[in-house]
């Protein structure tokens, strides 16, 4: 999670989307250590950036 946002800065929908993405990362991780999950990490980071923008009023 980005350093400047907390869980309380996320909307319920954002929390749900991040939870779903984390579950998908875990499922892919069970397939083996060589499975790429960078696309899911980028999606989580994008959600966090949107929350940070909203928090900072930009």
PDB file of N, CA and C in Angstrom:
ATOM      1  N   UNK A   1       0.846  -1.166   0.000  1.00  0.00           N
ATOM      2  CA  UNK A   1       0.000   0.000   0.000  1.00  0.00           C
ATOM      3  C   UNK A   1       0.894   1.232   0.000  1.00  0.00           C
ATOM      4  N   UNK A   2       0.438   2.254  -0.668  1.00  0.00           N
ATOM      5  CA  UNK A   2       1.217   3.494  -0.719  1.00  0.00           C
ATOM      6  C   UNK A   2       1.440   4.026   0.695  1.00  0.00           C
ATOM      7  N   UNK A   3       2.569   4.693   0.891  1.00  0.00           N
ATOM      8  CA  UNK A   3       2.950   5.130   2.234  1.00  0.00           C
ATOM      9  C   UNK A   3       2.005   6.170   2.831  1.00  0.00           C
ATOM     10  N   UNK A   4       1.375   6.972   2.006  1.00  0.00           N
ATOM     11  CA  UNK A   4       0.600   8.087   2.539  1.00  0.00           C
ATOM     12  C   UNK A   4      -0.892   7.798   2.666  1.00  0.00           C
ATOM     13  N   UNK A   5      -1.357   6.599   2.380  1.00  0.00           N
ATOM     14  CA  UNK A   5      -2.767   6.284   2.553  1.00  0.00           C
ATOM     15  C   UNK A   5      -2.928   5.137   3.544  1.00  0.00           C
ATOM     16  N   UNK A   6      -4.086   5.149   4.202  1.00  0.00           N
ATOM     17  CA  UNK A   6      -4.427   4.107   5.155  1.00  0.00           C
ATOM     18  C   UNK A   6      -5.646   3.357   4.642  1.00  0.00           C
ATOM     19  N   UNK A   7      -5.980   2.307   5.296  1.00  0.00           N
ATOM     20  CA  UNK A   7      -7.152   1.532   4.917  1.00  0.00           C
ATOM     21  C   UNK A   7      -8.417   2.386   4.981  1.00  0.00           C
ATOM     22  N   UNK A   8      -8.463   3.305   5.925  1.00  0.00           N
ATOM     23  CA  UNK A   8      -9.649   4.153   6.070  1.00  0.00           C
ATOM     24  C   UNK A   8      -9.790   5.160   4.929  1.00  0.00           C
ATOM     25  N   UNK A   9      -8.728   5.365   4.145  1.00  0.00           N
ATOM     26  CA  UNK A   9      -8.788   6.272   3.000  1.00  0.00           C
ATOM     27  C   UNK A   9      -9.390   5.612   1.766  1.00  0.00           C
ATOM     28  N   UNK A  10      -9.533   4.294   1.797  1.00  0.00           N
ATOM     29  CA  UNK A  10     -10.090   3.555   0.675  1.00  0.00           C
ATOM     30  C   UNK A  10     -11.601   3.430   0.821  1.00  0.00           C
ATOM     31  N   UNK A  11     -12.306   3.468  -0.305  1.00  0.00           N
ATOM     32  CA  UNK A  11     -13.747   3.228  -0.269  1.00  0.00           C
ATOM     33  C   UNK A  11     -13.983   1.734  -0.131  1.00  0.00           C
ATOM     34  N   UNK A  12     -15.216   1.376   0.169  1.00  0.00           N
ATOM     35  CA  UNK A  12     -15.545  -0.048   0.296  1.00  0.00           C
ATOM     36  C   UNK A  12     -15.285  -0.771  -1.025  1.00  0.00           C
ATOM     37  N   UNK A  13     -15.631  -0.156  -2.128  1.00  0.00           N
ATOM     38  CA  UNK A  13     -15.412  -0.765  -3.438  1.00  0.00           C
ATOM     39  C   UNK A  13     -13.943  -0.988  -3.732  1.00  0.00           C
ATOM     40  N   UNK A  14     -13.118  -0.013  -3.362  1.00  0.00           N
ATOM     41  CA  UNK A  14     -11.676  -0.161  -3.567  1.00  0.00           C
ATOM     42  C   UNK A  14     -11.113  -1.283  -2.714  1.00  0.00           C
ATOM     43  N   UNK A  15     -11.573  -1.375  -1.481  1.00  0.00           N
ATOM     44  CA  UNK A  15     -11.123  -2.461  -0.604  1.00  0.00           C
ATOM     45  C   UNK A  15     -11.523  -3.815  -1.176  1.00  0.00           C
ATOM     46  N   UNK A  16     -12.735  -3.890  -1.699  1.00  0.00           N
ATOM     47  CA  UNK A  16     -13.217  -5.146  -2.274  1.00  0.00           C
ATOM     48  C   UNK A  16     -12.403  -5.519  -3.508  1.00  0.00           C
ATOM     49  N   UNK A  17     -12.110  -4.551  -4.365  1.00  0.00           N
ATOM     50  CA  UNK A  17     -11.324  -4.817  -5.568  1.00  0.00           C
ATOM     51  C   UNK A  17      -9.913  -5.261  -5.206  1.00  0.00           C
ATOM     52  N   UNK A  18      -9.311  -4.591  -4.219  1.00  0.00           N
ATOM     53  CA  UNK A  18      -7.962  -4.972  -3.795  1.00  0.00           C
ATOM     54  C   UNK A  18      -7.978  -6.377  -3.192  1.00  0.00           C
ATOM     55  N   UNK A  19      -8.992  -6.672  -2.397  1.00  0.00           N
ATOM     56  CA  UNK A  19      -9.110  -8.019  -1.817  1.00  0.00           C
ATOM     57  C   UNK A  19      -9.224  -9.092  -2.882  1.00  0.00           C
ATOM     58  N   UNK A  20     -10.003  -8.808  -3.918  1.00  0.00           N
ATOM     59  CA  UNK A  20     -10.154  -9.753  -5.022  1.00  0.00           C
ATOM     60  C   UNK A  20      -8.831  -9.946  -5.750  1.00  0.00           C
ATOM     61  N   UNK A  21      -8.118  -8.847  -5.983  1.00  0.00           N
ATOM     62  CA  UNK A  21      -6.834  -8.945  -6.675  1.00  0.00           C
ATOM     63  C   UNK A  21      -5.807  -9.713  -5.840  1.00  0.00           C
ATOM     64  N   UNK A  22      -5.828  -9.511  -4.534  1.00  0.00           N
ATOM     65  CA  UNK A  22      -4.905 -10.248  -3.659  1.00  0.00           C
ATOM     66  C   UNK A  22      -5.226 -11.741  -3.690  1.00  0.00           C
ATOM     67  N   UNK A  23      -6.513 -12.072  -3.710  1.00  0.00           N
ATOM     68  CA  UNK A  23      -6.900 -13.484  -3.801  1.00  0.00           C
ATOM     69  C   UNK A  23      -6.432 -14.088  -5.121  1.00  0.00           C
ATOM     70  N   UNK A  24      -6.529 -13.315  -6.204  1.00  0.00           N
ATOM     71  CA  UNK A  24      -6.054 -13.802  -7.498  1.00  0.00           C
ATOM     72  C   UNK A  24      -4.540 -13.981  -7.490  1.00  0.00           C
ATOM     73  N   UNK A  25      -3.823 -13.063  -6.803  1.00  0.00           N
ATOM     74  CA  UNK A  25      -2.367 -13.214  -6.690  1.00  0.00           C
ATOM     75  C   UNK A  25      -2.027 -14.495  -5.941  1.00  0.00           C
ATOM     76  N   UNK A  26      -2.758 -14.762  -4.870  1.00  0.00           N
ATOM     77  CA  UNK A  26      -2.504 -15.969  -4.080  1.00  0.00           C
ATOM     78  C   UNK A  26      -2.776 -17.224  -4.908  1.00  0.00           C
ATOM     79  N   UNK A  27      -3.844 -17.184  -5.676  1.00  0.00           N
ATOM     80  CA  UNK A  27      -4.184 -18.341  -6.504  1.00  0.00           C
ATOM     81  C   UNK A  27      -3.095 -18.586  -7.548  1.00  0.00           C
ATOM     82  N   UNK A  28      -2.612 -17.508  -8.168  1.00  0.00           N
ATOM     83  CA  UNK A  28      -1.530 -17.666  -9.140  1.00  0.00           C
ATOM     84  C   UNK A  28      -0.252 -18.128  -8.449  1.00  0.00           C
ATOM     85  N   UNK A  29      -0.022 -17.636  -7.239  1.00  0.00           N
ATOM     86  CA  UNK A  29       1.178 -18.017  -6.498  1.00  0.00           C
ATOM     87  C   UNK A  29       1.222 -19.498  -6.187  1.00  0.00           C
ATOM     88  N   UNK A  30       0.055 -20.102  -6.014  1.00  0.00           N
ATOM     89  CA  UNK A  30       0.010 -21.542  -5.750  1.00  0.00           C
ATOM     90  C   UNK A  30       0.427 -22.346  -6.967  1.00  0.00           C
ATOM     91  N   UNK A  31       0.386 -21.727  -8.140  1.00  0.00           N
ATOM     92  CA  UNK A  31       0.774 -22.434  -9.362  1.00  0.00           C
ATOM     93  C   UNK A  31       2.281 -22.621  -9.445  1.00  0.00           C
ATOM     94  N   UNK A  32       3.020 -21.824  -8.698  1.00  0.00           N
ATOM     95  CA  UNK A  32       4.473 -21.981  -8.691  1.00  0.00           C
ATOM     96  C   UNK A  32       5.182 -20.654  -8.586  1.00  0.00           C
ATOM     97  N   UNK A  33       6.468 -20.694  -8.288  1.00  0.00           N
ATOM     98  CA  UNK A  33       7.219 -19.453  -8.080  1.00  0.00           C
ATOM     99  C   UNK A  33       7.524 -18.688  -9.368  1.00  0.00           C
ATOM    100  N   UNK A  34       7.370 -19.315 -10.509  1.00  0.00           N
ATOM    101  CA  UNK A  34       7.706 -18.663 -11.773  1.00  0.00           C
ATOM    102  C   UNK A  34       6.531 -17.977 -12.440  1.00  0.00           C
ATOM    103  N   UNK A  35       5.372 -17.943 -11.785  1.00  0.00           N
ATOM    104  CA  UNK A  35       4.182 -17.328 -12.366  1.00  0.00           C
ATOM    105  C   UNK A  35       4.256 -15.824 -12.164  1.00  0.00           C
ATOM    106  N   UNK A  36       3.967 -15.080 -13.226  1.00  0.00           N
ATOM    107  CA  UNK A  36       4.043 -13.617 -13.195  1.00  0.00           C
ATOM    108  C   UNK A  36       2.758 -13.028 -12.612  1.00  0.00           C
ATOM    109  N   UNK A  37       2.883 -12.233 -11.540  1.00  0.00           N
ATOM    110  CA  UNK A  37       1.727 -11.560 -10.959  1.00  0.00           C
ATOM    111  C   UNK A  37       1.873 -10.035 -11.038  1.00  0.00           C
ATOM    112  N   UNK A  38       2.819  -9.567 -11.856  1.00  0.00           N
ATOM    113  CA  UNK A  38       3.088  -8.131 -11.918  1.00  0.00           C
ATOM    114  C   UNK A  38       1.891  -7.340 -12.436  1.00  0.00           C
ATOM    115  N   UNK A  39       1.080  -7.939 -13.317  1.00  0.00           N
ATOM    116  CA  UNK A  39      -0.085  -7.225 -13.824  1.00  0.00           C
ATOM    117  C   UNK A  39      -1.092  -6.948 -12.709  1.00  0.00           C
ATOM    118  N   UNK A  40      -1.253  -7.905 -11.811  1.00  0.00           N
ATOM    119  CA  UNK A  40      -2.184  -7.707 -10.697  1.00  0.00           C
ATOM    120  C   UNK A  40      -1.634  -6.688  -9.698  1.00  0.00           C
ATOM    121  N   UNK A  41      -0.316  -6.710  -9.484  1.00  0.00           N
ATOM    122  CA  UNK A  41       0.302  -5.722  -8.594  1.00  0.00           C
ATOM    123  C   UNK A  41       0.105  -4.307  -9.130  1.00  0.00           C
ATOM    124  N   UNK A  42       0.254  -4.148 -10.453  1.00  0.00           N
ATOM    125  CA  UNK A  42       0.050  -2.827 -11.064  1.00  0.00           C
ATOM    126  C   UNK A  42      -1.375  -2.343 -10.878  1.00  0.00           C
ATOM    127  N   UNK A  43      -2.334  -3.250 -10.970  1.00  0.00           N
ATOM    128  CA  UNK A  43      -3.734  -2.859 -10.786  1.00  0.00           C
ATOM    129  C   UNK A  43      -3.987  -2.387  -9.356  1.00  0.00           C
ATOM    130  N   UNK A  44      -3.388  -3.082  -8.374  1.00  0.00           N
ATOM    131  CA  UNK A  44      -3.525  -2.665  -6.970  1.00  0.00           C
ATOM    132  C   UNK A  44      -2.882  -1.300  -6.772  1.00  0.00           C
ATOM    133  N   UNK A  45      -1.699  -1.108  -7.349  1.00  0.00           N
ATOM    134  CA  UNK A  45      -1.009   0.184  -7.217  1.00  0.00           C
ATOM    135  C   UNK A  45      -1.816   1.316  -7.843  1.00  0.00           C
ATOM    136  N   UNK A  46      -2.481   1.033  -8.952  1.00  0.00           N
ATOM    137  CA  UNK A  46      -3.314   2.054  -9.598  1.00  0.00           C
ATOM    138  C   UNK A  46      -4.483   2.454  -8.698  1.00  0.00           C
ATOM    139  N   UNK A  47      -5.111   1.478  -8.054  1.00  0.00           N
ATOM    140  CA  UNK A  47      -6.211   1.772  -7.129  1.00  0.00           C
ATOM    141  C   UNK A  47      -5.695   2.621  -5.968  1.00  0.00           C
ATOM    142  N   UNK A  48      -4.517   2.278  -5.455  1.00  0.00           N
ATOM    143  CA  UNK A  48      -3.933   3.041  -4.350  1.00  0.00           C
ATOM    144  C   UNK A  48      -3.598   4.468  -4.773  1.00  0.00           C
ATOM    145  N   UNK A  49      -3.090   4.642  -5.994  1.00  0.00           N
ATOM    146  CA  UNK A  49      -2.791   6.001  -6.492  1.00  0.00           C
ATOM    147  C   UNK A  49      -4.061   6.829  -6.603  1.00  0.00           C
ATOM    148  N   UNK A  50      -5.154   6.224  -7.063  1.00  0.00           N
ATOM    149  CA  UNK A  50      -6.423   6.939  -7.167  1.00  0.00           C
ATOM    150  C   UNK A  50      -6.916   7.374  -5.790  1.00  0.00           C
ATOM    151  N   UNK A  51      -6.763   6.518  -4.799  1.00  0.00           N
ATOM    152  CA  UNK A  51      -7.174   6.865  -3.434  1.00  0.00           C
ATOM    153  C   UNK A  51      -6.309   7.980  -2.885  1.00  0.00           C
ATOM    154  N   UNK A  52      -5.018   7.942  -3.184  1.00  0.00           N
ATOM    155  CA  UNK A  52      -4.108   8.985  -2.704  1.00  0.00           C
ATOM    156  C   UNK A  52      -4.457  10.330  -3.346  1.00  0.00           C
ATOM    157  N   UNK A  53      -4.778  10.324  -4.640  1.00  0.00           N
ATOM    158  CA  UNK A  53      -5.189  11.557  -5.310  1.00  0.00           C
ATOM    159  C   UNK A  53      -6.440  12.133  -4.669  1.00  0.00           C
ATOM    160  N   UNK A  54      -7.405  11.260  -4.388  1.00  0.00           N
ATOM    161  CA  UNK A  54      -8.656  11.714  -3.778  1.00  0.00           C
ATOM    162  C   UNK A  54      -8.384  12.286  -2.377  1.00  0.00           C
ATOM    163  N   UNK A  55      -7.502  11.641  -1.630  1.00  0.00           N
ATOM    164  CA  UNK A  55      -7.189  12.090  -0.283  1.00  0.00           C
ATOM    165  C   UNK A  55      -6.514  13.467  -0.310  1.00  0.00           C
ATOM    166  N   UNK A  56      -5.608  13.655  -1.257  1.00  0.00           N
ATOM    167  CA  UNK A  56      -4.871  14.906  -1.348  1.00  0.00           C
ATOM    168  C   UNK A  56      -5.624  15.998  -2.095  1.00  0.00           C
ATOM    169  N   UNK A  57      -6.800  15.678  -2.635  1.00  0.00           N
ATOM    170  CA  UNK A  57      -7.613  16.671  -3.304  1.00  0.00           C
ATOM    171  C   UNK A  57      -7.127  17.063  -4.682  1.00  0.00           C
ATOM    172  N   UNK A  58      -6.407  16.196  -5.353  1.00  0.00           N
ATOM    173  CA  UNK A  58      -5.897  16.512  -6.695  1.00  0.00           C
ATOM    174  C   UNK A  58      -6.754  15.922  -7.750  1.00  0.00           C
TER     175      UNK A  58
END
